[in-house]
Every structure is written in structure tokens, then in C-alpha cells.
Amino acid sequence: MTTEIQSRQVVRSYHDAWISGDVTTAGTFLSNEFTNLTPLTNYYEPAPYLDQLRKFSQQVTGFDMLSELYGTAEATLVYDVHTSMPVGTIRTVEHFRLTDGKISTIILVFDATPWHKMLEVAGK
């Protein structure tokens, strides 16, 4: 069982790594059986998720943590991530589930409206 302290250590280590651009290290905190659910797309294994995260992290220009909540085998982070993309600053909520000390699920919540517009213009 993952304790609250372990949840904090794993989730913050993962988050600090990807936000600084070190997606390879961030990936070491993910379970092999991993799910990421977002308003835009879903991933059901680490490799494609990490590829997308690597691309996104290159656009990050700043970050403001608003709230951190930790429990036994779960965590929720609320933050603003600043990007160089037309969407600008994104208010984001991530809910994490941990299994055997690794992140097994991330549910990402944000307003996808500006993303849909941007993807439409890009023809995707």
C-alpha cells in the first residue's frame, strides 16, 4: 500500500521532472499499466503519453502551483501552466492514482475550448 508521504514523493517528483523538461525521469514514476485521460485524448500506456508530454513540456514557460492534496495512493494537483502556445496559461487539475508505488492513472482536467480552436486551425 502506498502511504500519503509516498504519494507526495512520487507525484511531486514526477511533476517536478516533467515541468522542468526532464520527461525521461518523469517516466520512471509511471506504472507499466498506465492510463491518462484528458479532454483531448487518452493514453493507455506510458510511451505515447511520454512522447506527447515531451512535446508539450518544450512549450512550458512557467508554472504556478495553486493546491496540492495527498492521500493514500492518490493525489490532486491544481496549477497554472504558462505556455508559449496561443492557448497561453492553462488552469489545470490532475488527479493521480498510484499502484504499488507508481502512478497508474492520471486524470487531467482543463478547459479544452481554446485547444479545439487551435487544432481546427491546424487541420487536426
Protein backbone atom coordinates (compact mmCIF):
# COMPACT_ATOMS: atom_id res chain seq x y z
CA MET A 1 0.00 0.00 0.00
CA THR A 2 1.22 3.49 -0.84
CA THR A 3 1.19 5.94 2.08
CA GLU A 4 0.34 9.63 1.90
CA ILE A 5 4.04 10.50 2.26
CA GLN A 6 4.97 8.13 -0.57
CA SER A 7 2.17 9.57 -2.74
CA ARG A 8 3.58 13.06 -2.20
CA GLN A 9 7.14 11.96 -3.00
CA VAL A 10 6.20 10.11 -6.18
CA VAL A 11 3.73 12.64 -7.57
CA ARG A 12 5.88 15.70 -6.84
CA SER A 13 9.00 14.01 -8.21
CA TYR A 14 7.11 13.12 -11.39
CA HIS A 15 5.59 16.58 -11.69
CA ASP A 16 8.80 18.47 -10.94
CA ALA A 17 10.64 16.37 -13.54
CA TRP A 18 8.22 16.92 -16.42
CA ILE A 19 7.63 20.59 -15.69
CA SER A 20 11.41 21.15 -15.86
CA GLY A 21 11.56 19.29 -19.19
CA ASP A 22 13.04 16.03 -17.86
CA VAL A 23 10.35 13.73 -19.25
CA THR A 24 12.67 10.70 -19.15
CA THR A 25 12.90 10.97 -15.36
CA ALA A 26 9.17 11.67 -15.12
CA GLY A 27 8.56 8.39 -16.92
CA THR A 28 10.33 6.41 -14.21
CA PHE A 29 7.43 7.23 -11.85
CA LEU A 30 4.78 5.71 -14.16
CA SER A 31 3.47 2.17 -13.88
CA ASN A 32 3.79 -0.11 -16.91
CA GLU A 33 0.00 -0.40 -16.73
CA PHE A 34 -0.77 3.28 -17.12
CA THR A 35 -3.82 5.31 -18.19
CA ASN A 36 -4.01 9.04 -18.90
CA LEU A 37 -7.45 10.54 -19.53
CA THR A 38 -7.76 14.11 -20.87
CA PRO A 39 -10.36 16.30 -22.57
CA LEU A 40 -8.41 15.94 -25.86
CA THR A 41 -7.09 12.38 -25.99
CA ASN A 42 -6.48 9.30 -23.87
CA TYR A 43 -3.37 7.17 -23.48
CA TYR A 44 -3.29 3.59 -22.24
CA GLU A 45 0.45 3.03 -21.97
CA PRO A 46 3.39 5.17 -20.92
CA ALA A 47 5.38 5.53 -24.18
CA PRO A 48 2.89 7.51 -26.32
CA TYR A 49 1.89 9.59 -23.31
CA LEU A 50 5.52 10.48 -22.61
CA ASP A 51 6.10 11.37 -26.28
CA GLN A 52 3.23 13.88 -26.12
CA LEU A 53 4.34 15.16 -22.71
CA ARG A 54 7.86 15.74 -24.09
CA LYS A 55 6.44 17.88 -26.91
CA PHE A 56 4.20 19.82 -24.54
CA SER A 57 6.93 20.40 -21.94
CA GLN A 58 9.00 22.18 -24.60
CA GLN A 59 6.25 24.82 -24.75
CA VAL A 60 6.15 25.44 -20.97
CA THR A 61 7.39 28.90 -19.99
CA GLY A 62 6.28 28.98 -16.35
CA PHE A 63 4.28 27.29 -13.65
CA ASP A 64 2.30 28.28 -10.54
CA MET A 65 1.15 25.61 -8.07
CA LEU A 66 -2.22 26.55 -6.57
CA SER A 67 -3.07 23.50 -4.45
CA GLU A 68 -1.73 20.06 -3.57
CA LEU A 69 -3.82 17.37 -1.90
CA TYR A 70 -2.35 13.98 -1.00
CA GLY A 71 -3.91 10.81 0.28
CA THR A 72 -3.17 7.13 0.47
CA ALA A 73 -2.33 6.09 -3.10
CA GLU A 74 -3.78 9.27 -4.64
CA ALA A 75 -3.08 12.96 -5.14
CA THR A 76 -4.65 16.01 -6.76
CA LEU A 77 -2.68 18.99 -8.03
CA VAL A 78 -4.21 22.28 -9.17
CA TYR A 79 -1.89 24.62 -11.06
CA ASP A 80 -1.49 27.17 -13.82
CA VAL A 81 0.93 26.19 -16.55
CA HIS A 82 2.14 29.02 -18.76
CA THR A 83 2.95 28.16 -22.36
CA SER A 84 4.38 29.83 -25.44
CA MET A 85 1.43 28.48 -27.42
CA PRO A 86 -1.63 30.52 -28.45
CA VAL A 87 -3.61 28.95 -25.57
CA GLY A 88 -1.37 30.85 -23.13
CA THR A 89 -1.92 29.95 -19.48
CA ILE A 90 -3.88 26.80 -18.73
CA ARG A 91 -5.58 26.25 -15.35
CA THR A 92 -5.08 22.53 -14.81
CA VAL A 93 -6.23 19.85 -12.38
CA GLU A 94 -4.52 16.46 -12.29
CA HIS A 95 -5.80 13.58 -10.23
CA PHE A 96 -3.34 10.73 -9.70
CA ARG A 97 -3.87 7.13 -8.64
CA LEU A 98 -0.89 5.07 -7.52
CA THR A 99 -0.50 1.31 -7.63
CA ASP A 100 2.45 -0.37 -5.92
CA GLY A 101 4.17 3.00 -5.50
CA LYS A 102 3.92 4.04 -9.17
CA ILE A 103 1.48 6.36 -10.95
CA SER A 104 -1.07 4.15 -12.66
CA THR A 105 -3.69 6.75 -13.65
CA ILE A 106 -3.67 10.47 -14.33
CA ILE A 107 -6.96 12.22 -14.99
CA LEU A 108 -6.23 15.64 -16.48
CA VAL A 109 -8.92 18.34 -16.34
CA PHE A 110 -8.74 21.70 -18.14
CA ASP A 111 -10.86 23.86 -20.43
CA ALA A 112 -10.17 22.39 -23.86
CA THR A 113 -12.15 25.05 -25.78
CA PRO A 114 -9.08 27.05 -26.93
CA TRP A 115 -7.29 23.80 -27.83
CA HIS A 116 -10.12 22.69 -30.10
CA LYS A 117 -9.95 26.01 -31.93
CA MET A 118 -6.16 25.78 -32.26
CA LEU A 119 -6.34 22.18 -33.55
CA GLU A 120 -9.08 23.14 -36.01
CA VAL A 121 -6.90 25.91 -37.46
CA ALA A 122 -4.01 23.43 -37.69
CA GLY A 123 -6.26 20.98 -39.56
CA LYS A 124 -6.09 18.21 -36.96
